[in-house]
Every structure is written in structure tokens, then in C-alpha cells.
Protein backbone atom coordinates (compact mmCIF):
# COMPACT_ATOMS: atom_id res chain seq x y z
CA MET A 1 -0.05 0.20 0.08
CA SER A 2 1.39 3.52 -1.09
CA LYS A 3 0.52 6.85 0.72
CA LEU A 4 -1.47 9.36 -0.71
CA PHE A 5 0.57 12.68 -1.21
CA GLU A 6 -0.66 16.08 -1.62
CA TYR A 7 0.64 18.22 -4.37
CA HIS A 8 3.85 19.81 -3.15
CA ASP A 9 4.84 17.02 -1.26
CA PHE A 10 4.69 14.46 -3.96
CA LEU A 11 6.94 16.74 -5.94
CA ARG A 12 9.56 16.69 -3.00
CA ALA A 13 8.99 13.10 -3.08
CA LEU A 14 9.29 12.83 -6.75
CA GLY A 15 12.73 14.19 -6.65
CA GLY A 16 14.24 11.20 -4.78
CA ILE A 17 13.59 8.98 -7.69
CA SER A 18 16.16 8.37 -10.23
CA PRO A 19 15.30 9.40 -13.76
CA ARG A 20 17.78 7.20 -15.49
CA PRO A 21 17.32 3.55 -16.28
CA GLN A 22 18.66 1.19 -13.86
CA GLY A 23 20.33 -2.44 -13.79
CA ALA A 24 18.63 -5.34 -15.07
CA GLY A 25 16.44 -3.32 -17.22
CA ALA A 26 14.36 -1.60 -14.34
CA GLN A 27 13.32 2.13 -14.91
CA ALA A 28 11.41 4.69 -13.28
CA ALA A 29 8.00 5.63 -14.69
CA VAL A 30 5.44 8.39 -14.00
CA THR A 31 1.65 7.99 -14.73
CA VAL A 32 -0.68 11.07 -14.97
CA ILE A 33 -4.28 10.05 -14.67
CA GLU A 34 -6.85 12.81 -15.65
CA LEU A 35 -10.56 12.22 -14.14
CA GLU A 36 -12.87 13.72 -16.85
CA GLY A 37 -16.11 12.58 -14.81
CA LEU A 38 -15.20 14.84 -11.98
CA ARG A 39 -15.80 17.83 -13.91
CA ASP A 40 -19.62 16.98 -14.18
CA VAL A 41 -19.38 16.18 -10.19
CA ASP A 42 -18.18 19.74 -9.42
CA ALA A 43 -20.79 21.35 -11.80
CA ALA A 44 -23.62 19.37 -10.64
CA LEU A 45 -23.01 18.73 -6.95
CA GLY A 46 -20.26 21.43 -5.96
CA TYR A 47 -16.60 21.22 -5.59
CA ALA A 48 -16.92 19.93 -2.06
CA ALA A 49 -18.20 16.52 -3.39
CA GLY A 50 -15.52 16.70 -6.20
CA ASP A 51 -12.66 17.55 -3.24
CA GLU A 52 -14.05 14.44 -1.31
CA LEU A 53 -14.06 11.95 -4.46
CA ILE A 54 -10.63 12.97 -5.70
CA ARG A 55 -9.46 12.05 -2.27
CA ASN A 56 -11.41 8.94 -2.12
CA ALA A 57 -10.14 7.99 -5.50
CA GLY A 58 -6.37 8.95 -4.66
CA GLN A 59 -6.82 6.63 -1.52
CA ALA A 60 -8.37 3.77 -3.78
CA LEU A 61 -5.40 3.79 -6.31
CA ALA A 62 -2.62 4.26 -3.15
CA SER A 63 -4.20 1.10 -1.49
CA ALA A 64 -3.86 -1.10 -4.81
CA LEU A 65 -0.11 -0.20 -5.43
CA SER A 66 1.95 -2.12 -3.56
CA ASP A 67 5.06 0.75 -4.09
CA GLY A 68 5.70 4.01 -5.80
CA LEU A 69 4.23 7.46 -4.97
CA VAL A 70 0.78 8.37 -5.44
CA GLY A 71 -0.31 12.17 -5.37
CA ILE A 72 -3.27 14.55 -6.17
CA THR A 73 -1.60 16.80 -8.61
CA GLY A 74 -4.45 18.70 -10.03
CA ARG A 75 -8.28 19.42 -9.78
CA HIS A 76 -9.11 16.80 -11.85
CA GLN A 77 -5.82 14.86 -11.84
CA ILE A 78 -3.91 12.10 -9.77
CA THR A 79 -0.34 10.92 -10.57
CA CYS A 80 1.85 8.22 -9.49
CA ALA A 81 5.38 7.63 -9.75
CA GLN A 82 7.14 3.96 -9.66
CA PRO A 83 10.63 4.00 -8.99
CA ALA A 84 11.34 0.73 -10.76
CA VAL A 85 9.60 -1.31 -13.44
CA ALA A 86 10.96 -3.90 -15.83
CA GLY A 87 10.37 -1.95 -18.81
CA SER A 88 7.41 -0.61 -21.04
CA GLY A 89 5.32 -3.71 -20.86
CA PHE A 90 5.27 -3.83 -17.33
CA ALA A 91 4.68 -0.10 -16.93
CA GLU A 92 1.69 -0.14 -19.30
CA LEU A 93 -0.02 -3.24 -17.44
CA ALA A 94 0.49 -1.26 -14.19
CA ALA A 95 -0.95 1.94 -15.95
CA HIS A 96 -3.88 -0.25 -16.98
CA LYS A 97 -4.50 -1.83 -13.48
CA MET A 98 -4.68 2.04 -12.39
CA LEU A 99 -7.23 2.82 -15.06
CA ARG A 100 -9.43 -0.27 -13.81
CA VAL A 101 -9.06 0.83 -10.05
CA LEU A 102 -10.39 4.35 -10.95
CA SER A 103 -13.01 2.94 -13.35
CA GLU A 104 -14.96 1.50 -10.77
CA PRO A 105 -17.86 3.65 -9.73
CA PHE A 106 -17.19 5.51 -6.33
CA ALA A 107 -19.89 6.61 -3.90
CA CYS A 108 -20.78 10.25 -3.49
CA GLY A 109 -23.45 10.69 -1.02
CA GLU A 110 -26.30 8.30 -2.27
CA ARG A 111 -25.22 8.25 -5.90
CA GLN A 112 -22.45 6.04 -7.67
CA VAL A 113 -20.28 7.93 -9.82
CA LEU A 114 -18.13 7.10 -12.52
CA LEU A 115 -14.92 9.13 -13.01
CA TRP A 116 -13.90 8.16 -16.76
CA PRO A 117 -10.24 7.85 -16.11
CA ARG A 118 -7.39 8.52 -18.99
CA ALA A 119 -3.83 8.19 -18.47
CA GLY A 120 -0.49 9.24 -20.12
CA LEU A 121 2.39 7.36 -19.35
CA ALA A 122 6.46 8.35 -19.19
CA LEU A 123 9.72 6.33 -18.71
CA ALA A 124 12.91 6.78 -17.71
CA GLY A 125 15.24 7.51 -20.67
CA PRO A 126 18.53 8.99 -22.05
CA ARG A 127 16.54 12.22 -22.41
CA VAL A 128 15.34 12.36 -19.02
CA VAL A 129 17.88 14.85 -16.96
CA ARG A 130 15.64 15.19 -13.72
CA PRO A 131 12.56 13.51 -12.21
CA GLN A 132 10.60 16.59 -12.97
CA ASP A 133 11.55 15.94 -16.74
CA LEU A 134 9.43 12.80 -16.26
CA LEU A 135 6.41 14.52 -14.94
CA ALA A 136 6.49 16.65 -17.85
CA HIS A 137 6.47 13.82 -20.35
CA ALA A 138 3.69 12.26 -18.54
CA TYR A 139 1.74 15.64 -18.69
CA ALA A 140 2.58 15.52 -22.50
CA ALA A 141 1.44 12.01 -22.90
CA VAL A 142 -1.74 12.35 -21.17
CA ARG A 143 -2.54 15.62 -23.45
CA GLN A 144 -2.00 13.37 -26.53
CA ALA A 145 -4.43 10.89 -24.72
CA ARG A 146 -7.18 13.43 -24.24
CA ARG A 147 -6.75 14.76 -28.14
CA ALA A 148 -6.95 11.16 -29.47
CA ARG A 149 -9.76 10.15 -26.83
CA ALA A 150 -7.74 7.45 -25.93
CA ARG A 151 -7.66 5.72 -22.63
CA LEU A 152 -3.62 5.61 -22.20
CA ARG A 153 -0.83 6.97 -24.01
CA LEU A 154 2.87 6.33 -23.67
CA TYR A 155 5.23 8.98 -24.12
CA ALA A 156 6.63 9.06 -27.40
CA PRO A 157 9.70 11.49 -28.50
CA GLU A 158 8.45 11.89 -32.01
CA ALA A 159 4.89 12.77 -30.93
CA ALA A 160 6.31 15.36 -28.49
CA ALA A 161 8.53 16.95 -31.22
CA THR A 162 5.12 17.79 -33.23
CA MET A 163 4.28 19.83 -29.80
CA LEU A 164 7.18 22.34 -30.67
CA GLU A 165 9.41 21.14 -27.57
CA GLY A 166 6.67 21.47 -25.37
CA VAL A 167 8.02 19.93 -22.67
CA ASP A 168 10.88 22.44 -22.39
CA LEU A 169 8.15 24.94 -22.90
CA TRP A 170 6.19 23.53 -19.70
CA SER A 171 9.14 24.03 -17.50
CA GLN A 172 10.01 27.40 -18.84
CA LEU A 173 6.80 29.02 -19.36
CA GLY A 174 6.33 29.76 -15.42
CA GLN A 175 9.84 31.06 -15.45
CA ALA A 176 8.75 33.40 -18.28
CA ILE A 177 5.54 34.47 -16.35
CA GLU A 178 7.37 35.51 -13.50
CA GLU A 179 10.23 37.04 -15.38
CA GLY A 180 7.95 39.34 -17.52
CA SER A 181 9.24 37.33 -20.95
CA LEU A 182 5.47 37.26 -22.09
CA HIS A 183 3.97 40.06 -23.73
CA LEU A 184 0.58 41.37 -25.63
CA GLU A 185 0.00 42.67 -29.02
CA TYR A 186 -3.17 43.97 -30.21
CA GLN A 187 -5.37 43.65 -33.45
CA PRO A 188 -8.24 45.87 -34.36
CA GLN A 189 -11.72 44.82 -34.98
CA VAL A 190 -13.76 47.50 -37.23
CA ALA A 191 -17.29 48.08 -37.53
CA LEU A 192 -18.12 47.81 -41.14
CA ALA A 193 -20.99 50.35 -40.62
CA SER A 194 -19.06 53.26 -39.09
CA GLY A 195 -15.49 52.29 -40.17
CA CYS A 196 -14.14 52.62 -36.65
CA VAL A 197 -12.37 50.33 -34.21
CA GLN A 198 -14.96 48.61 -32.17
CA SER A 199 -12.71 46.62 -30.15
CA VAL A 200 -9.04 44.89 -30.18
CA GLU A 201 -8.24 41.28 -29.72
CA ALA A 202 -5.18 40.62 -26.94
CA LEU A 203 -2.91 38.08 -28.70
CA LEU A 204 -0.23 36.60 -26.60
CA ARG A 205 3.33 36.44 -27.57
CA TRP A 206 6.63 35.02 -26.19
CA ASP A 207 9.72 35.40 -28.05
CA HIS A 208 11.53 32.62 -26.72
CA PRO A 209 15.59 32.67 -26.81
CA GLN A 210 15.80 29.48 -28.43
CA TYR A 211 12.85 28.62 -30.28
CA GLY A 212 11.89 32.03 -31.54
CA SER A 213 8.27 33.47 -31.53
CA ILE A 214 6.09 31.00 -29.81
CA ARG A 215 2.61 30.71 -30.87
CA PRO A 216 -0.13 31.21 -28.64
CA ASP A 217 -1.85 27.92 -29.04
CA THR A 218 1.71 26.15 -28.22
CA MET A 219 1.74 27.95 -24.95
CA VAL A 220 -1.54 26.90 -23.97
CA ARG A 221 -0.96 23.16 -24.75
CA ALA A 222 2.10 23.45 -23.13
CA ALA A 223 0.09 24.61 -19.98
CA GLU A 224 -3.00 22.79 -20.17
CA GLY A 225 -3.74 20.23 -17.32
CA THR A 226 -1.13 21.81 -15.13
CA ASP A 227 -1.26 24.51 -12.47
CA LEU A 228 0.25 26.82 -15.12
CA MET A 229 -2.87 27.30 -17.00
CA PRO A 230 -4.89 29.55 -14.56
CA ARG A 231 -1.40 31.51 -13.54
CA LEU A 232 -1.16 32.09 -17.68
CA THR A 233 -4.90 33.17 -17.82
CA HIS A 234 -4.60 35.49 -15.24
CA TRP A 235 -1.51 37.23 -16.37
CA VAL A 236 -3.11 37.64 -19.65
CA PHE A 237 -6.35 38.83 -18.54
CA ASN A 238 -5.07 41.13 -16.01
CA THR A 239 -2.35 42.68 -18.42
CA ALA A 240 -5.00 43.04 -21.24
CA LEU A 241 -7.46 44.87 -18.83
CA ARG A 242 -4.66 46.79 -17.47
CA GLN A 243 -3.67 48.20 -21.12
CA CYS A 244 -7.22 48.42 -22.04
CA ALA A 245 -7.57 51.02 -19.04
CA GLU A 246 -4.38 52.68 -20.40
CA TYR A 247 -5.47 53.12 -24.32
CA ARG A 248 -9.19 54.03 -23.06
CA GLN A 249 -7.71 56.75 -20.68
CA ALA A 250 -5.66 58.10 -24.05
CA GLY A 251 -9.04 58.43 -25.67
CA LEU A 252 -9.59 55.39 -27.66
CA ASP A 253 -12.90 54.00 -26.82
CA ALA A 254 -12.75 50.62 -27.81
CA GLY A 255 -13.40 47.27 -26.05
CA ILE A 256 -11.07 44.40 -25.53
CA SER A 257 -11.19 40.66 -26.59
CA VAL A 258 -9.32 38.05 -24.39
CA ASN A 259 -8.95 34.33 -25.40
CA PHE A 260 -9.99 31.63 -22.71
CA SER A 261 -9.46 27.90 -23.20
CA ALA A 262 -11.50 24.89 -22.04
CA ASP A 263 -9.54 24.26 -19.11
CA ASP A 264 -10.24 28.01 -17.99
CA LEU A 265 -13.89 26.98 -17.93
CA GLN A 266 -13.17 24.20 -15.34
CA GLU A 267 -11.07 26.37 -12.97
CA ARG A 268 -13.48 27.47 -10.00
CA GLU A 269 -11.54 30.84 -9.39
CA VAL A 270 -11.85 31.85 -13.14
CA VAL A 271 -14.92 34.27 -12.55
CA ASP A 272 -13.86 35.73 -9.39
CA LEU A 273 -10.36 36.45 -11.34
CA VAL A 274 -12.38 38.19 -14.04
CA ALA A 275 -14.16 40.17 -11.03
CA GLN A 276 -11.25 41.27 -9.37
CA SER A 277 -9.40 42.29 -12.52
CA LEU A 278 -12.40 44.50 -13.74
CA GLU A 279 -12.38 45.99 -10.21
CA VAL A 280 -8.91 46.89 -10.04
CA TRP A 281 -8.53 48.24 -13.39
CA GLN A 282 -12.08 50.10 -13.60
CA VAL A 283 -12.90 48.91 -17.05
CA PRO A 284 -16.63 48.31 -18.03
CA ALA A 285 -17.34 45.04 -17.87
CA GLU A 286 -19.82 45.50 -21.39
CA SER A 287 -16.34 46.26 -23.00
CA VAL A 288 -14.76 42.90 -22.44
CA THR A 289 -15.27 40.05 -24.34
CA VAL A 290 -14.32 36.61 -23.48
CA GLU A 291 -13.40 34.54 -26.76
CA LEU A 292 -13.25 30.92 -26.92
CA THR A 293 -12.75 28.89 -29.98
CA GLU A 294 -15.81 26.53 -31.11
CA THR A 295 -14.05 23.30 -30.44
CA ALA A 296 -13.18 24.31 -26.91
CA VAL A 297 -16.70 25.12 -26.06
CA MET A 298 -17.97 21.95 -27.39
CA GLU A 299 -15.12 19.53 -25.72
CA SER A 300 -15.84 21.51 -22.31
CA HIS A 301 -18.31 19.59 -20.05
CA ASP A 302 -21.37 21.84 -20.94
CA ALA A 303 -22.73 22.21 -17.56
CA GLU A 304 -19.59 23.28 -15.85
CA ALA A 305 -18.58 25.30 -19.12
CA ARG A 306 -22.05 27.01 -19.27
CA ALA A 307 -21.89 27.87 -15.34
CA ALA A 308 -18.69 29.70 -15.89
CA LEU A 309 -19.72 31.62 -18.88
CA HIS A 310 -23.17 32.32 -17.16
CA GLY A 311 -21.07 33.81 -14.15
CA MET A 312 -19.31 36.15 -16.70
CA LYS A 313 -22.08 37.22 -18.31
CA ASP A 314 -23.69 38.00 -14.81
CA LEU A 315 -20.88 40.24 -14.50
CA GLY A 316 -21.86 41.97 -17.63
CA LEU A 317 -18.84 40.37 -20.09
CA ARG A 318 -19.59 39.51 -23.63
CA VAL A 319 -19.16 35.78 -24.78
CA SER A 320 -17.60 35.08 -28.36
CA MET A 321 -17.03 31.74 -30.22
CA ASP A 322 -13.87 32.22 -32.35
CA ASP A 323 -13.19 30.17 -35.15
CA PHE A 324 -16.58 29.31 -36.03
CA GLY A 325 -17.48 26.61 -38.90
CA ILE A 326 -14.32 24.79 -38.30
CA GLY A 327 -15.34 22.62 -35.04
CA TYR A 328 -18.54 20.39 -34.73
CA SER A 329 -20.92 22.14 -32.81
CA SER A 330 -24.41 21.08 -33.16
CA MET A 331 -27.31 23.94 -33.58
CA GLU A 332 -29.03 22.51 -29.98
CA ARG A 333 -25.56 22.60 -28.06
CA LEU A 334 -24.88 26.16 -29.81
CA LEU A 335 -28.22 27.58 -28.66
CA ARG A 336 -27.55 26.50 -24.91
CA MET A 337 -23.99 28.62 -24.74
CA PRO A 338 -24.88 32.22 -23.63
CA LEU A 339 -23.22 33.66 -26.76
CA ASP A 340 -23.10 37.27 -27.82
CA GLU A 341 -20.73 37.11 -30.90
CA LEU A 342 -19.85 34.65 -33.82
CA LYS A 343 -16.21 34.89 -35.25
CA ILE A 344 -15.84 33.22 -38.77
CA ASP A 345 -12.65 31.45 -39.25
CA MET A 346 -10.27 33.18 -41.74
CA THR A 347 -10.22 29.25 -43.54
CA PHE A 348 -13.77 30.63 -45.24
CA VAL A 349 -12.80 34.29 -45.34
CA HIS A 350 -9.49 33.60 -47.50
CA GLU A 351 -11.59 31.97 -50.18
CA LEU A 352 -14.45 34.13 -50.11
CA VAL A 353 -13.78 36.09 -53.29
CA SER A 354 -12.73 33.41 -55.44
CA SER A 355 -14.99 30.66 -54.29
CA ARG A 356 -18.66 30.39 -54.78
CA PRO A 357 -19.26 27.72 -52.06
CA HIS A 358 -17.19 29.62 -49.62
CA GLN A 359 -19.11 32.83 -50.13
CA ARG A 360 -22.50 30.81 -49.95
CA ILE A 361 -21.17 29.28 -46.24
CA VAL A 362 -20.19 32.69 -45.15
CA GLU A 363 -23.08 34.39 -46.19
CA SER A 364 -25.12 31.48 -44.32
CA MET A 365 -23.10 31.77 -41.12
CA ILE A 366 -23.65 35.99 -41.05
CA GLY A 367 -27.23 34.96 -41.78
CA LEU A 368 -27.58 32.32 -38.75
CA GLY A 369 -25.46 34.63 -36.43
CA GLN A 370 -27.57 37.79 -36.58
CA LYS A 371 -30.97 35.59 -36.65
CA MET A 372 -29.75 34.26 -33.44
CA GLY A 373 -29.18 38.15 -32.19
CA LEU A 374 -25.50 37.87 -32.40
CA SER A 375 -23.02 40.01 -33.74
CA VAL A 376 -20.69 38.67 -36.38
CA VAL A 377 -16.78 38.88 -36.87
CA ALA A 378 -15.11 37.78 -40.12
CA GLU A 379 -11.17 37.37 -38.98
CA GLY A 380 -8.72 36.98 -41.79
CA VAL A 381 -9.25 40.09 -44.25
CA GLU A 382 -6.13 40.79 -46.01
CA ASP A 383 -7.36 43.04 -48.73
CA GLN A 384 -10.04 45.67 -50.14
CA GLU A 385 -12.20 43.13 -52.38
CA THR A 386 -12.79 40.92 -49.70
CA LEU A 387 -13.70 43.67 -47.35
CA ASP A 388 -16.23 45.04 -49.78
CA ARG A 389 -17.50 41.44 -49.85
CA LEU A 390 -17.88 41.30 -46.50
CA ARG A 391 -19.81 44.64 -46.33
CA ALA A 392 -21.97 43.82 -48.95
CA LEU A 393 -23.08 40.39 -47.24
CA GLY A 394 -23.86 42.45 -44.29
CA CYS A 395 -21.18 41.29 -41.60
CA ASP A 396 -20.85 43.54 -38.53
CA LEU A 397 -17.23 43.28 -37.63
CA VAL A 398 -13.95 42.56 -39.48
CA GLN A 399 -10.38 41.61 -38.24
CA GLY A 400 -7.34 41.04 -40.38
CA PHE A 401 -4.03 42.40 -41.44
CA TYR A 402 -5.84 44.37 -44.24
CA LEU A 403 -7.26 46.22 -41.24
CA GLY A 404 -4.12 46.36 -38.96
CA ARG A 405 -1.17 43.82 -38.18
CA PRO A 406 -1.11 42.86 -34.39
CA ALA A 407 1.11 45.27 -32.52
CA ARG A 408 2.21 46.03 -29.20
CA LEU A 409 0.37 48.77 -27.33
CA ALA A 410 2.45 51.60 -27.67
CA GLN A 411 2.64 50.93 -31.54
CA PHE A 412 -1.09 50.10 -31.95
CA MET A 413 -2.26 53.53 -30.20
CA GLU A 414 0.17 55.25 -32.44
CA GLN A 415 -1.36 53.70 -35.76
CA THR A 416 -4.89 54.24 -34.54
CA ARG A 417 -4.24 57.72 -33.69
CA ALA A 418 -2.34 58.56 -36.79
CA GLY A 419 -4.91 56.78 -38.97
CA ARG A 420 -2.69 54.85 -40.98
CA ASP A 421 -4.84 51.65 -40.90
CA PRO A 422 -7.90 51.38 -42.92
CA GLY A 423 -9.92 50.72 -39.98
CA ALA A 424 -8.94 53.74 -37.91
CA CYS A 425 -11.14 56.81 -37.06
């Protein structure tokens, strides 16, 4: 029987495990297990019930294992570290045993609840220098399992390479947040009726000394499922509102759009975080838009996502569905989300002039959004002809390089005041 550790105690204990392969083929293994069912428990029964369930699940796993470390390492996450297993075959057998233990129904009051576990497994190897690297590899593997909708994934270097050195980024991203290495750039959203900048989208940037410019979605993937995700979201939202207050005080009466991930909707403090930032920077709530991709909204557990979005709506914020058209949302699920805005993905906008089918799709999307009472934004506008076509189709707002490239705050304000961009007033 193993002991159940809390997060920081688990990390300290993990430091005592050798990350290098050992004699007789033995090697350390780390398994990160996500409990998808806990998201529904949090939404339906409250966080106290979720807290009790994850502790019961962790204790059940610790009782089933004869050796190793078991710790609660996230809101819906348990991690197991085994100091010596006889190769990948035995490690996978052990991981499947953990999944079987956690697949049994757990009592929650008078109910029996399924936790729907999935796991990522990482083994010691020549590329692993520290025990923390094993944990990072296991995080990467469980993210691969989540995307593939698989029960278990073994960390593979070639798969991790497609994540743009995500493991290294995961270990460095927290330091980048603390040191101020991240910054935001702003791109205008222009109202076609007036030609004025109505809002700006805050875009996360990281100029990495080794990898160069890191895409925002790469940073989000590196942070997903870890304690870095809420820290990153807090930094982005707070910085965006602080700089929004700056440009509003300078005379630019424009709103701000900030991107949130599916993970953000499952953090219990997310609505409080938003409320605190609004109060600190005195930005009107109705001028702030929360953007979520269509895929992120649809992959979120509905009850939990709706609760977070309704909480933001109660504060006065607007909610936008980004990249509309490339996900798999049903109309019924779309109607249940408290939306104010649809953003048509640039994939359709780029082909608007040259492709009649694309024009029909964009026209249908604009009509659908407006019939639902939503404003419609087309992103990816790169020339006057596309702009004119969208105006003719009745689109509300446009965004793209033709209206203004993303720029840091000072440059953005200078361009807007000088009126060098077609969308500046």
C-alpha cells in the first residue's frame, strides 16, 4: 500500500526518484491520470463533493499499489510515480491496472459516480535528466491521450516533437510569466457600419531565446492540465485589462477581447479572477469580450462551461465563439451557450472572393448569427475586395492584416491615432 501525497509533498518526494534507467532493465515510470467525470461532479454537486471524490479515488489507487508515490496533482488529476518497473510492457500493465481501479463506481452521497479516467505514461530514458522531466513527459502523454480520446498514451519523443518542444516550454513557461518575458499584441476589430475600431483582440506573444516566436496555442498546450494554466490566464487577462485601461484613458473608446481555453472554464476561481481584474482596472464589463474557440466550447463539459460563462455574463461581459465553422458544434448545443458573438474562421474568409461555395457558407454563417441575435466578426481580411464583399453580405465587424497587424500597445495606439490603418477613425 502506498501513501497518498498532496501536490507539493508529491513533488518533493518525486525528487528522490532516479530518472535514469537502472540495472536489469528496470526504469522509473510516471503516470498522470485525468478524471474527466470529476468535471461533471463539480458542476452538478459542487466542489466539496469533487474534493471528497478525488481524495477517495487517490486513496483507492494508493491502496492498490504495493510501491511508488501517489499524489493529487491537479483539480481533476492524480499522478503515480514508480521508482523501478521492468520495462515499458510492465509499466503499461501497471497503468492499465490503475485505470481499472479508477474505472469502478465511487460513492458520492447516495449516488454512484463514474470518473472516466485517462492516462499518460512516461518512462526513464537517455533524454530524461531530472525526475521533473518524467512528470513533464507524462503530462505531454496525457494531453496526447486527451486529443486522441484514448484511455492511455505512452510518451513518444516523435509525438512530442510535433508539440514544438512542449515539454521544455512547460518547464520554462512559469519562469517566463514571473520574469515578464511574455507580452501582448493588439489587433483591431473594425465595425463595417462606421469604419471605426470597435474592439481589439489581445494576442499572447513569447519571444523565446531558443525557439523564437512561440504561438499562443503552443503555450496553451504546454500549460493545459497543469497549475500553469490558471497562472497564464490570470497574467493575460490582468495585463489585457490594465492596457485596455491605458488606451481608454488616452482617448481610444474601444473594447477588449481576451482568449480563454476550455481548461479555464473548469477552474473554480475563473469568475472571481475576472471580477477582481475588472474592479482593479475599472474597465467597464460590457466592453470586455471572452473569446473561446468553437472546439474548446464543445469539448468542455456543458454544465461546467455554461456555469462559468453565465457567471461572466452576470458580471456584464460578452462571450464570443472564435473559429466558428471548423468545429463540430450542433445547433442544439450552440443555442444552450450564452453567446453574444460569432467569429467566422479565416479559412472561409480567405476563399470568399475566389470561391462561390465559400461565399455561400459565409453568407449562411452571417445570416445564422444575426438571426440568433449575435454580432458576427470575420477574421482574416487581407484585401479591399474581401472587405467590400463582407460589407455587401452584411457582416458586422472585420479583423485582419488589411485592417491592422498585431502590434504592442504603444505602436497600436500610434497607428490608430495616426489613422494609417484602413479601420482607424
